[in-house]
Protein backbone atom coordinates (compact mmCIF):
# COMPACT_ATOMS: atom_id res chain seq x y z
CA UNK A 1 60.10 84.04 102.56
CA UNK A 2 62.69 86.18 100.71
CA UNK A 3 63.92 85.37 97.23
CA UNK A 4 67.32 84.41 98.62
CA UNK A 5 65.76 82.03 101.16
CA UNK A 6 63.72 80.39 98.41
CA UNK A 7 66.79 79.86 96.22
CA UNK A 8 68.66 78.27 99.12
CA UNK A 9 65.90 75.67 99.41
CA UNK A 10 65.69 74.46 95.81
CA UNK A 11 68.01 72.54 93.53
CA UNK A 12 69.70 74.11 90.52
CA UNK A 13 67.39 72.09 88.25
CA UNK A 14 64.36 73.96 89.57
CA UNK A 15 65.78 77.40 88.82
CA UNK A 16 65.10 79.37 85.69
CA UNK A 17 68.42 80.93 84.68
CA UNK A 18 66.83 84.02 83.19
CA UNK A 19 64.76 84.80 86.30
CA UNK A 20 67.57 84.90 88.89
CA UNK A 21 69.53 87.86 90.13
CA UNK A 22 73.24 87.74 90.88
CA UNK A 23 72.63 87.61 94.63
CA UNK A 24 70.37 84.58 94.28
CA UNK A 25 73.08 82.74 92.36
CA UNK A 26 75.83 83.67 94.83
CA UNK A 27 73.64 82.48 97.70
CA UNK A 28 72.80 79.22 95.92
CA UNK A 29 76.38 78.41 94.94
CA UNK A 30 77.63 79.33 98.42
CA UNK A 31 75.15 77.03 100.15
CA UNK A 32 75.80 74.24 97.63
CA UNK A 33 79.48 74.45 98.63
CA UNK A 34 78.44 74.24 102.29
CA UNK A 35 79.94 77.66 103.02
CA UNK A 36 78.58 80.12 105.53
CA UNK A 37 79.13 83.79 104.72
CA UNK A 38 82.06 83.99 107.19
CA UNK A 39 83.69 80.90 105.64
CA UNK A 40 83.24 82.36 102.15
CA UNK A 41 84.96 85.56 103.32
CA UNK A 42 87.89 83.54 104.72
CA UNK A 43 88.22 81.65 101.43
CA UNK A 44 88.07 84.87 99.40
CA UNK A 45 90.81 86.47 101.52
CA UNK A 46 92.93 83.31 101.19
CA UNK A 47 92.59 83.49 97.40
CA UNK A 48 93.51 87.19 97.30
CA UNK A 49 96.61 86.50 99.38
CA UNK A 50 97.75 83.47 97.36
CA UNK A 51 96.39 83.93 93.81
CA UNK A 52 95.23 87.51 93.25
CA UNK A 53 97.79 89.89 94.77
CA UNK A 54 96.64 92.64 92.37
CA UNK A 55 92.96 92.38 93.41
CA UNK A 56 91.30 95.77 92.83
CA UNK A 57 87.84 95.17 94.22
CA UNK A 58 86.08 96.25 97.39
CA UNK A 59 87.12 95.25 100.91
CA UNK A 60 85.99 91.66 101.52
CA UNK A 61 83.64 91.25 104.47
CA UNK A 62 80.57 89.34 105.55
CA UNK A 63 78.64 92.58 105.09
CA UNK A 64 79.72 92.71 101.43
CA UNK A 65 78.51 89.15 100.81
CA UNK A 66 75.19 89.91 102.54
CA UNK A 67 74.82 93.07 100.43
CA UNK A 68 75.41 91.11 97.20
CA UNK A 69 73.02 88.32 98.19
CA UNK A 70 70.32 90.78 99.22
CA UNK A 71 70.70 92.67 95.93
CA UNK A 72 71.50 96.01 97.54
CA UNK A 73 74.76 96.54 95.66
CA UNK A 74 74.30 98.24 92.29
CA UNK A 75 77.61 97.49 90.56
CA UNK A 76 79.82 94.47 90.99
CA UNK A 77 83.36 94.70 89.61
CA UNK A 78 84.92 92.09 87.34
CA UNK A 79 87.59 91.48 90.00
CA UNK A 80 84.96 90.71 92.64
CA UNK A 81 83.05 88.33 90.35
CA UNK A 82 86.28 86.55 89.45
CA UNK A 83 87.13 86.25 93.14
CA UNK A 84 83.65 84.89 93.92
CA UNK A 85 83.98 82.33 91.10
CA UNK A 86 87.28 81.08 92.48
CA UNK A 87 86.09 81.01 96.10
CA UNK A 88 82.87 79.21 95.13
CA UNK A 89 84.83 76.78 92.92
CA UNK A 90 82.52 77.57 90.00
CA UNK A 91 82.44 75.27 87.01
CA UNK A 92 82.32 76.96 83.55
CA UNK A 93 78.50 77.12 83.57
CA UNK A 94 78.36 78.66 87.04
CA UNK A 95 81.08 81.15 86.05
CA UNK A 96 79.06 82.10 82.97
CA UNK A 97 75.94 82.55 85.13
CA UNK A 98 77.67 84.84 87.64
CA UNK A 99 79.36 86.99 85.01
CA UNK A 100 76.25 87.43 82.89
CA UNK A 101 74.06 88.05 85.95
CA UNK A 102 76.46 90.91 86.75
CA UNK A 103 76.21 92.18 83.14
CA UNK A 104 79.85 91.32 82.50
CA UNK A 105 81.42 89.46 79.59
CA UNK A 106 82.41 85.98 80.81
CA UNK A 107 84.98 85.64 78.00
CA UNK A 108 87.22 88.43 79.26
CA UNK A 109 90.29 87.66 81.34
CA UNK A 110 90.27 88.59 85.05
CA UNK A 111 92.24 91.76 84.24
CA UNK A 112 89.59 92.85 81.72
CA UNK A 113 91.53 92.03 78.56
CA UNK A 114 90.32 89.82 75.74
CA UNK A 115 92.53 87.21 74.17
CA UNK A 116 92.50 85.62 70.72
CA UNK A 117 90.31 82.73 71.88
CA UNK A 118 87.63 85.09 73.20
CA UNK A 119 87.78 87.12 69.99
CA UNK A 120 87.30 84.01 67.83
CA UNK A 121 84.36 82.88 69.95
CA UNK A 122 82.72 86.31 69.78
CA UNK A 123 83.23 86.50 66.00
CA UNK A 124 81.74 83.03 65.55
CA UNK A 125 78.73 84.02 67.64
CA UNK A 126 78.26 87.03 65.37
CA UNK A 127 78.46 84.82 62.27
CA UNK A 128 75.90 82.37 63.68
CA UNK A 129 73.49 85.16 64.65
CA UNK A 130 73.77 86.87 61.25
CA UNK A 131 73.36 83.70 59.19
CA UNK A 132 69.83 83.41 57.77
CA UNK A 133 69.34 79.95 59.31
CA UNK A 134 71.98 79.93 62.06
CA UNK A 135 69.88 81.31 64.91
CA UNK A 136 66.81 79.31 63.94
CA UNK A 137 68.82 76.08 63.81
CA UNK A 138 70.40 76.82 67.14
CA UNK A 139 66.97 77.35 68.73
CA UNK A 140 65.67 74.17 67.09
CA UNK A 141 68.61 72.07 68.32
CA UNK A 142 68.30 73.36 71.87
CA UNK A 143 64.52 73.05 71.93
CA UNK A 144 62.95 73.58 75.34
CA UNK A 145 66.09 72.65 77.27
CA UNK A 146 67.64 75.14 79.64
CA UNK A 147 70.90 76.18 78.05
CA UNK A 148 72.72 75.98 81.37
CA UNK A 149 71.57 72.36 81.72
CA UNK A 150 73.09 71.14 78.44
CA UNK A 151 75.92 68.67 78.91
CA UNK A 152 79.32 69.45 77.50
CA UNK A 153 78.70 66.84 74.77
CA UNK A 154 75.34 68.43 73.88
CA UNK A 155 76.95 71.87 73.66
CA UNK A 156 79.63 70.58 71.30
CA UNK A 157 77.08 68.68 69.19
CA UNK A 158 74.93 71.81 68.81
CA UNK A 159 77.93 73.96 67.93
CA UNK A 160 79.21 71.42 65.41
CA UNK A 161 75.87 71.20 63.60
CA UNK A 162 75.46 74.98 63.45
CA UNK A 163 79.04 75.52 62.22
CA UNK A 164 78.59 72.89 59.50
CA UNK A 165 75.45 74.70 58.33
CA UNK A 166 76.96 78.21 58.22
CA UNK A 167 80.44 77.26 56.95
CA UNK A 168 81.03 78.86 53.54
CA UNK A 169 81.42 76.27 50.81
């Protein structure tokens, strides 16, 4: 059984985020949406035509999707990941997973630019990491939970507690 076949047969809860390659995630999210590779290609082309007229990625084909899922493609462009996220109807966590699995910053706009919101978030992350107790508190609050499994409320609670701790008085 290949890695991709195994991922198709398990729920998201059973997956370890850190142990999955981009192709495994694409395969999982595709099958969770009930899309075959050909249907995913059709959806991606529809999105390019209607929402992304300036798409600068590779030609979209079933072969491309197979190549990504089988991990035989070395570099995936930001435009292609953005297109996959839209076609797979990714929620924010899934989008984060695909971008980071492709070694891309998930906070950058589809055209590769950062905005003020992304800059503030990145600066806050730096402040938390550099604070003597920030990182330790963050790890303590998260505990053994998988970060990608935290609810939106849990994420905000963790962030609030860490920001209160590191806020200059």
